Protein backbone atom coordinates (compact mmCIF):
# COMPACT_ATOMS: atom_id res chain seq x y z
CA UNK A 1 58.29 3.80 31.85
CA UNK A 2 56.68 0.38 32.21
CA UNK A 3 52.83 0.29 32.47
CA UNK A 4 51.45 -0.68 35.81
CA UNK A 5 50.50 -4.40 35.68
CA UNK A 6 46.82 -5.19 36.17
CA UNK A 7 45.92 -6.77 39.46
CA UNK A 8 43.75 -9.85 39.89
CA UNK A 9 40.80 -7.68 40.90
CA UNK A 10 41.08 -5.61 37.74
CA UNK A 11 41.37 -8.76 35.64
CA UNK A 12 38.21 -10.11 37.21
CA UNK A 13 36.39 -6.86 36.49
CA UNK A 14 37.54 -6.97 32.90
CA UNK A 15 36.40 -10.58 32.53
CA UNK A 16 33.01 -9.73 34.04
CA UNK A 17 32.61 -6.80 31.67
CA UNK A 18 33.59 -9.00 28.74
CA UNK A 19 31.08 -11.68 29.77
CA UNK A 20 28.38 -9.03 30.18
CA UNK A 21 29.03 -7.72 26.70
CA UNK A 22 28.86 -11.23 25.27
CA UNK A 23 25.55 -11.92 27.03
CA UNK A 24 24.20 -8.63 25.73
CA UNK A 25 25.25 -9.49 22.19
CA UNK A 26 23.65 -12.93 22.46
CA UNK A 27 20.44 -11.42 23.77
CA UNK A 28 20.33 -8.84 20.99
CA UNK A 29 21.00 -11.54 18.39
CA UNK A 30 18.24 -13.74 19.84
CA UNK A 31 15.80 -10.83 19.86
CA UNK A 32 16.70 -10.09 16.27
CA UNK A 33 16.04 -13.69 15.22
CA UNK A 34 12.77 -13.83 17.17
CA UNK A 35 11.69 -10.55 15.59
CA UNK A 36 12.46 -11.89 12.12
CA UNK A 37 10.37 -15.00 12.81
CA UNK A 38 7.48 -12.83 14.04
CA UNK A 39 7.67 -10.72 10.89
CA UNK A 40 7.55 -13.86 8.73
CA UNK A 41 4.47 -15.06 10.61
CA UNK A 42 2.72 -11.71 10.12
CA UNK A 43 3.51 -11.84 6.41
CA UNK A 44 2.05 -15.36 6.19
CA UNK A 45 -0.99 -14.14 8.13
CA UNK A 46 -1.45 -11.37 5.57
CA UNK A 47 -1.28 -13.81 2.66
CA UNK A 48 -3.85 -16.06 4.35
CA UNK A 49 -6.22 -13.12 4.88
CA UNK A 50 -5.72 -12.09 1.27
CA UNK A 51 -6.83 -15.54 0.12
CA UNK A 52 -9.84 -15.38 2.45
CA UNK A 53 -10.91 -12.17 0.72
CA UNK A 54 -10.16 -13.20 -2.87
CA UNK A 55 -12.09 -16.49 -2.68
CA UNK A 56 -15.43 -14.91 -1.61
CA UNK A 57 -15.05 -12.17 -4.23
CA UNK A 58 -15.12 -14.76 -7.02
CA UNK A 59 -17.25 -17.33 -5.19
CA UNK A 60 -20.66 -18.45 -6.40
CA UNK A 61 -22.84 -18.12 -3.30
CA UNK A 62 -23.23 -14.88 -1.38
CA UNK A 63 -26.93 -15.59 -0.90
CA UNK A 64 -28.60 -18.99 -0.93
CA UNK A 65 -32.34 -19.09 -0.36
CA UNK A 66 -34.86 -21.93 -0.64
CA UNK A 67 -38.25 -20.42 -1.51
CA UNK A 68 -41.72 -21.93 -1.44
CA UNK A 69 -44.91 -20.30 -2.62
CA UNK A 70 -47.87 -20.22 -4.89
CA UNK A 71 -47.31 -21.79 -8.28
CA UNK A 72 -43.87 -23.27 -7.59
CA UNK A 73 -43.03 -26.63 -6.13
CA UNK A 74 -39.57 -25.43 -5.12
CA UNK A 75 -37.35 -22.48 -5.95
CA UNK A 76 -33.64 -21.98 -5.24
CA UNK A 77 -31.99 -18.56 -5.63
CA UNK A 78 -28.24 -18.04 -5.46
CA UNK A 79 -26.32 -14.86 -6.14
CA UNK A 80 -22.66 -14.00 -6.42
CA UNK A 81 -21.01 -10.67 -7.13
CA UNK A 82 -21.37 -11.38 -10.85
CA UNK A 83 -24.22 -13.85 -11.40
CA UNK A 84 -27.70 -14.83 -10.34
CA UNK A 85 -28.65 -18.51 -10.49
CA UNK A 86 -32.26 -19.62 -10.13
CA UNK A 87 -33.81 -23.08 -10.25
CA UNK A 88 -37.59 -23.40 -10.42
CA UNK A 89 -39.60 -26.63 -10.23
CA UNK A 90 -43.21 -26.67 -11.30
CA UNK A 91 -45.81 -29.49 -11.15
CA UNK A 92 -47.99 -28.72 -8.13
CA UNK A 93 -51.29 -28.60 -10.07
CA UNK A 94 -52.49 -27.40 -13.49
CA UNK A 95 -53.77 -24.07 -12.11
CA UNK A 96 -50.60 -23.14 -10.31
CA UNK A 97 -48.50 -24.32 -13.23
CA UNK A 98 -49.78 -21.28 -15.13
CA UNK A 99 -48.12 -19.10 -12.46
CA UNK A 100 -44.96 -21.18 -12.62
CA UNK A 101 -44.66 -20.65 -16.38
CA UNK A 102 -44.70 -16.88 -15.87
CA UNK A 103 -41.89 -16.89 -13.28
CA UNK A 104 -39.77 -19.30 -15.32
CA UNK A 105 -38.43 -16.36 -17.32
CA UNK A 106 -35.81 -15.94 -14.61
CA UNK A 107 -34.75 -19.61 -14.47
CA UNK A 108 -31.11 -20.42 -15.16
CA UNK A 109 -27.82 -18.60 -14.66
CA UNK A 110 -27.61 -14.96 -15.69
CA UNK A 111 -25.12 -12.21 -15.16
CA UNK A 112 -26.44 -9.59 -12.78
CA UNK A 113 -26.68 -7.10 -15.61
CA UNK A 114 -28.69 -9.55 -17.72
CA UNK A 115 -30.89 -10.51 -14.76
CA UNK A 116 -31.51 -6.83 -14.15
CA UNK A 117 -32.74 -6.39 -17.74
CA UNK A 118 -35.00 -9.46 -17.48
CA UNK A 119 -36.46 -8.29 -14.16
CA UNK A 120 -37.16 -4.86 -15.61
CA UNK A 121 -39.11 -6.52 -18.43
CA UNK A 122 -41.30 -8.30 -15.86
CA UNK A 123 -42.35 -5.40 -13.62
CA UNK A 124 -41.21 -2.12 -12.11
CA UNK A 125 -40.99 -3.62 -8.63
CA UNK A 126 -38.85 -6.53 -9.88
CA UNK A 127 -36.58 -4.03 -11.63
CA UNK A 128 -36.10 -2.09 -8.38
CA UNK A 129 -35.15 -5.24 -6.45
CA UNK A 130 -32.60 -6.34 -9.04
CA UNK A 131 -31.14 -2.83 -9.17
CA UNK A 132 -30.27 -3.07 -5.48
CA UNK A 133 -28.71 -6.51 -5.95
CA UNK A 134 -26.71 -5.33 -8.97
CA UNK A 135 -25.29 -2.10 -7.53
CA UNK A 136 -24.59 -3.49 -4.05
CA UNK A 137 -22.20 -6.04 -5.59
CA UNK A 138 -19.89 -3.16 -6.53
CA UNK A 139 -19.52 -2.29 -2.84
CA UNK A 140 -17.97 -5.65 -2.00
CA UNK A 141 -15.81 -5.73 -5.11
CA UNK A 142 -14.33 -2.26 -4.54
CA UNK A 143 -13.83 -2.44 -0.78
CA UNK A 144 -12.35 -5.94 -0.85
CA UNK A 145 -9.94 -4.96 -3.62
CA UNK A 146 -8.74 -2.02 -1.53
CA UNK A 147 -8.40 -4.26 1.54
CA UNK A 148 -6.36 -6.84 -0.40
CA UNK A 149 -3.98 -4.17 -1.72
CA UNK A 150 -3.64 -2.76 1.80
CA UNK A 151 -2.79 -6.17 3.27
CA UNK A 152 -0.14 -6.86 0.64
CA UNK A 153 1.32 -3.38 1.03
CA UNK A 154 1.51 -3.81 4.80
CA UNK A 155 3.31 -7.15 4.42
CA UNK A 156 5.85 -5.68 1.98
CA UNK A 157 6.49 -2.64 4.17
CA UNK A 158 6.94 -4.72 7.32
CA UNK A 159 9.36 -7.09 5.58
CA UNK A 160 11.32 -4.14 4.15
CA UNK A 161 11.40 -2.46 7.56
CA UNK A 162 12.82 -5.44 9.41
CA UNK A 163 15.30 -6.80 6.89
CA UNK A 164 16.31 -3.72 4.87
CA UNK A 165 15.63 -0.27 6.34
CA UNK A 166 14.45 -0.09 9.99
CA UNK A 167 12.95 3.39 9.84
CA UNK A 168 10.05 4.34 12.11
CA UNK A 169 8.02 5.83 9.24
CA UNK A 170 8.08 2.48 7.40
CA UNK A 171 6.97 0.60 10.52
CA UNK A 172 4.11 3.06 11.08
CA UNK A 173 3.07 2.81 7.43
CA UNK A 174 2.92 -0.99 7.71
CA UNK A 175 0.80 -0.80 10.85
CA UNK A 176 -1.50 1.74 9.17
CA UNK A 177 -2.00 -0.62 6.23
CA UNK A 178 -2.88 -3.50 8.54
CA UNK A 179 -5.44 -1.32 10.35
CA UNK A 180 -6.93 0.12 7.17
CA UNK A 181 -7.51 -3.30 5.54
CA UNK A 182 -10.08 -4.71 8.02
CA UNK A 183 -11.67 -1.30 8.45
CA UNK A 184 -12.54 -0.90 4.78
CA UNK A 185 -13.42 -4.59 4.33
CA UNK A 186 -15.83 -4.69 7.28
CA UNK A 187 -17.38 -1.38 6.20
CA UNK A 188 -18.11 -2.70 2.70
CA UNK A 189 -19.39 -6.01 4.10
CA UNK A 190 -21.84 -4.31 6.47
CA UNK A 191 -23.09 -1.95 3.75
CA UNK A 192 -23.66 -4.86 1.37
CA UNK A 193 -25.58 -6.81 4.03
CA UNK A 194 -27.82 -3.82 4.79
CA UNK A 195 -28.49 -2.80 1.17
CA UNK A 196 -28.97 -6.20 -0.50
CA UNK A 197 -32.62 -7.32 -0.28
CA UNK A 198 -33.66 -10.74 0.88
CA UNK A 199 -33.93 -13.19 -1.97
CA UNK A 200 -37.58 -13.84 -1.25
CA UNK A 201 -38.20 -10.30 -2.50
CA UNK A 202 -37.23 -11.46 -6.01
CA UNK A 203 -40.31 -13.70 -6.58
CA UNK A 204 -42.52 -11.36 -4.54
CA UNK A 205 -41.64 -8.56 -6.94
CA UNK A 206 -43.24 -10.60 -9.74
CA UNK A 207 -46.70 -10.34 -8.21
CA UNK A 208 -47.59 -7.34 -10.37
CA UNK A 209 -46.82 -9.30 -13.54
CA UNK A 210 -48.65 -12.40 -12.26
CA UNK A 211 -51.77 -10.43 -11.47
CA UNK A 212 -51.66 -8.88 -14.95
CA UNK A 213 -51.30 -12.31 -16.56
CA UNK A 214 -53.81 -14.28 -14.48
CA UNK A 215 -56.30 -11.60 -13.46
CA UNK A 216 -57.05 -9.56 -10.35
CA UNK A 217 -58.70 -12.53 -8.66
CA UNK A 218 -55.34 -14.14 -7.83
CA UNK A 219 -53.84 -11.05 -6.16
CA UNK A 220 -54.49 -12.21 -2.61
CA UNK A 221 -53.57 -15.83 -3.32
CA UNK A 222 -49.95 -15.29 -4.41
CA UNK A 223 -47.45 -15.60 -1.60
CA UNK A 224 -43.78 -16.60 -1.31
CA UNK A 225 -41.69 -17.39 1.75
CA UNK A 226 -38.29 -18.91 2.52
CA UNK A 227 -37.97 -22.40 3.90
CA UNK A 228 -34.57 -21.71 5.51
CA UNK A 229 -34.04 -19.02 8.14
CA UNK A 230 -30.43 -18.32 7.11
CA UNK A 231 -30.31 -17.16 3.48
CA UNK A 232 -26.62 -16.26 3.17
CA UNK A 233 -24.18 -18.46 1.29
CA UNK A 234 -20.70 -19.79 2.02
CA UNK A 235 -19.00 -16.67 0.57
CA UNK A 236 -20.70 -14.55 3.21
CA UNK A 237 -19.61 -16.95 5.97
CA UNK A 238 -16.01 -17.10 4.70
CA UNK A 239 -15.92 -13.30 4.65
CA UNK A 240 -16.86 -13.23 8.33
CA UNK A 241 -13.97 -15.57 9.13
CA UNK A 242 -11.66 -13.41 7.03
CA UNK A 243 -12.60 -10.32 9.03
CA UNK A 244 -12.01 -12.15 12.30
CA UNK A 245 -8.57 -13.30 11.10
CA UNK A 246 -7.63 -9.76 10.13
CA UNK A 247 -8.49 -8.56 13.64
CA UNK A 248 -6.43 -11.42 15.09
CA UNK A 249 -3.55 -10.36 12.87
CA UNK A 250 -3.63 -6.91 14.47
CA UNK A 251 -3.56 -8.46 17.95
CA UNK A 252 -0.60 -10.67 16.98
CA UNK A 253 1.17 -7.62 15.56
CA UNK A 254 0.66 -5.70 18.81
CA UNK A 255 1.99 -8.60 20.89
CA UNK A 256 4.91 -9.80 18.77
CA UNK A 257 6.25 -6.92 16.68
CA UNK A 258 8.55 -4.52 18.55
CA UNK A 259 10.74 -1.73 17.15
CA UNK A 260 13.90 -2.96 15.47
CA UNK A 261 17.11 -2.73 17.54
CA UNK A 262 18.72 -0.66 14.81
CA UNK A 263 15.85 1.79 14.41
CA UNK A 264 17.55 4.57 16.40
CA UNK A 265 20.77 4.27 14.41
CA UNK A 266 18.84 4.17 11.14
CA UNK A 267 16.91 7.31 12.13
CA UNK A 268 20.16 9.13 12.93
CA UNK A 269 21.65 8.06 9.61
CA UNK A 270 18.54 9.22 7.77
CA UNK A 271 18.65 12.62 9.51
CA UNK A 272 22.32 12.95 8.61
CA UNK A 273 21.56 12.15 4.97
CA UNK A 274 18.81 14.77 4.88
CA UNK A 275 21.13 17.37 6.39
CA UNK A 276 23.76 16.59 3.76
CA UNK A 277 21.18 17.04 1.03
CA UNK A 278 20.06 20.37 2.50
CA UNK A 279 23.65 21.60 2.74
CA UNK A 280 24.31 20.52 -0.84
CA UNK A 281 21.19 22.33 -2.06
CA UNK A 282 22.00 25.50 -0.11
CA UNK A 283 25.62 25.41 -1.30
CA UNK A 284 24.45 25.11 -4.89
CA UNK A 285 22.10 28.04 -4.47
CA UNK A 286 24.87 30.19 -2.97
CA UNK A 287 27.45 29.32 -5.64
CA UNK A 288 25.11 29.93 -8.56
CA UNK A 289 25.37 33.79 -8.51
CA UNK A 290 29.18 33.60 -8.25
CA UNK A 291 29.61 31.79 -11.55
CA UNK A 292 27.89 34.38 -13.72
CA UNK A 293 30.21 37.34 -12.90
CA UNK A 294 33.27 35.18 -13.64
CA UNK A 295 31.93 34.39 -17.09
CA UNK A 296 31.33 38.10 -17.61
CA UNK A 297 34.93 38.86 -16.57
CA UNK A 298 36.19 36.38 -19.13
CA UNK A 299 34.06 37.94 -21.87
CA UNK A 300 35.31 41.44 -21.06
CA UNK A 301 39.02 40.68 -20.77
CA UNK A 302 39.05 40.03 -17.02
CA UNK A 303 40.48 36.97 -15.29
CA UNK A 304 42.26 34.63 -17.69
CA UNK A 305 40.37 31.65 -19.06
CA UNK A 306 40.65 28.60 -16.82
CA UNK A 307 41.13 30.61 -13.63
CA UNK A 308 37.43 30.57 -12.70
CA UNK A 309 37.47 27.20 -10.90
CA UNK A 310 35.72 27.18 -7.55
CA UNK A 311 35.60 24.52 -4.94
CA UNK A 312 36.33 23.57 -1.36
CA UNK A 313 40.16 23.56 -1.44
CA UNK A 314 42.96 24.55 0.83
CA UNK A 315 43.28 28.25 1.37
CA UNK A 316 39.55 28.98 1.56
CA UNK A 317 36.25 27.80 0.15
CA UNK A 318 36.78 29.52 -3.17
CA UNK A 319 40.58 29.69 -3.76
CA UNK A 320 42.05 30.74 -7.09
CA UNK A 321 43.49 28.15 -9.43
CA UNK A 322 46.10 29.47 -11.88
CA UNK A 323 46.10 27.95 -15.36
CA UNK A 324 47.80 28.73 -18.63
CA UNK A 325 46.20 31.44 -20.74
CA UNK A 326 46.98 34.67 -22.55
CA UNK A 327 50.15 36.47 -21.45
CA UNK A 328 49.82 39.37 -19.10
CA UNK A 329 50.26 40.38 -15.47
CA UNK A 330 49.23 37.76 -12.97
CA UNK A 331 49.78 36.82 -9.35
CA UNK A 332 51.93 33.90 -8.31
CA UNK A 333 49.89 31.87 -5.75
CA UNK A 334 53.10 30.76 -3.95
CA UNK A 335 54.90 34.04 -3.52
CA UNK A 336 51.72 36.15 -3.46
CA UNK A 337 53.38 38.81 -5.68
CA UNK A 338 52.76 40.15 -9.11
CA UNK A 339 55.17 39.53 -11.97
CA UNK A 340 55.50 39.60 -15.72
CA UNK A 341 56.83 36.92 -18.07
CA UNK A 342 60.53 36.91 -18.83
CA UNK A 343 61.40 37.91 -22.34
CA UNK A 344 58.17 39.76 -22.95
CA UNK A 345 54.65 38.71 -23.87
CA UNK A 346 55.73 35.68 -25.88
CA UNK A 347 57.06 33.75 -22.88
CA UNK A 348 55.03 31.37 -20.73
CA UNK A 349 53.38 33.04 -17.74
CA UNK A 350 54.88 30.45 -15.43
CA UNK A 351 58.40 31.94 -15.89
CA UNK A 352 58.46 34.67 -13.25
CA UNK A 353 60.50 37.78 -13.72
CA UNK A 354 62.60 38.63 -10.73
CA UNK A 355 63.55 42.31 -10.65
CA UNK A 356 66.57 41.55 -8.46
CA UNK A 357 68.29 39.36 -11.05
């Protein structure tokens, strides 16, 4: 019987359906390429934010204060997360130069640990101020390190999600990393800003030692103040920009990154793989007790050796497999009847004895 030839109307419908499928494929391919470009931009954004956190961590100027006061012509104090740098200029007058010589113990570049020891040798108040500067530096170092690792982890997870394995749990983990990074970085930054004392407190903490060296008459004459209203350095400013860029990265992620087109299929495949693993584990647990009795039967003269094979074969999940072994009665799997070897025990068990012959 000849098939009914398609009419012009049916051909037009088929062509329209074909064109619709082609447009859909082109749109999906374009969305895939746009999504890949967005992912690459987010990864580049993450690397940029990482640099904007690493540079302040090892920068030389978290605080930068210009200080004027009794005994000093000019004083500049800079701190990083590892060092304290102080420049002191004397030469105002012979009387105040005596004060300047006392405070010159702190001049130069010192590690924060060394500066802490020097300050503690000057006075108890100076030791307390340097303790706060020293321990607050650990806050920035720890929180920024965690934020950097979180940014890099988010970039790796997002790249792996889009180009390798589009699973929803990977996408959510990447987003969580991008959210966690600015949260921990901003938290550490705010804590450092609140805990770290103003740099003018460093020379003010020397007043106790100056009074002891020059006498009680100079106690009300010693005063220090900053000449600049903003005493934070370029590392602090760059950190602020880094935090803003991390927030912008989250906004870009929310606007550009959409679930992968193959996420549903990947989730179904993952569920199928997990089900296969569960079935394999349960099957292994069920078959484990069945192997022990067979070994016992072999030890006590039961089923012949080699006939204990189990597996998913035709005839049932655990069908018998006949193999050569000691002579004796056995059942032929084809005829489903018992027999004995021809010629007695010395013959092969495969040679069936037929009582009718």
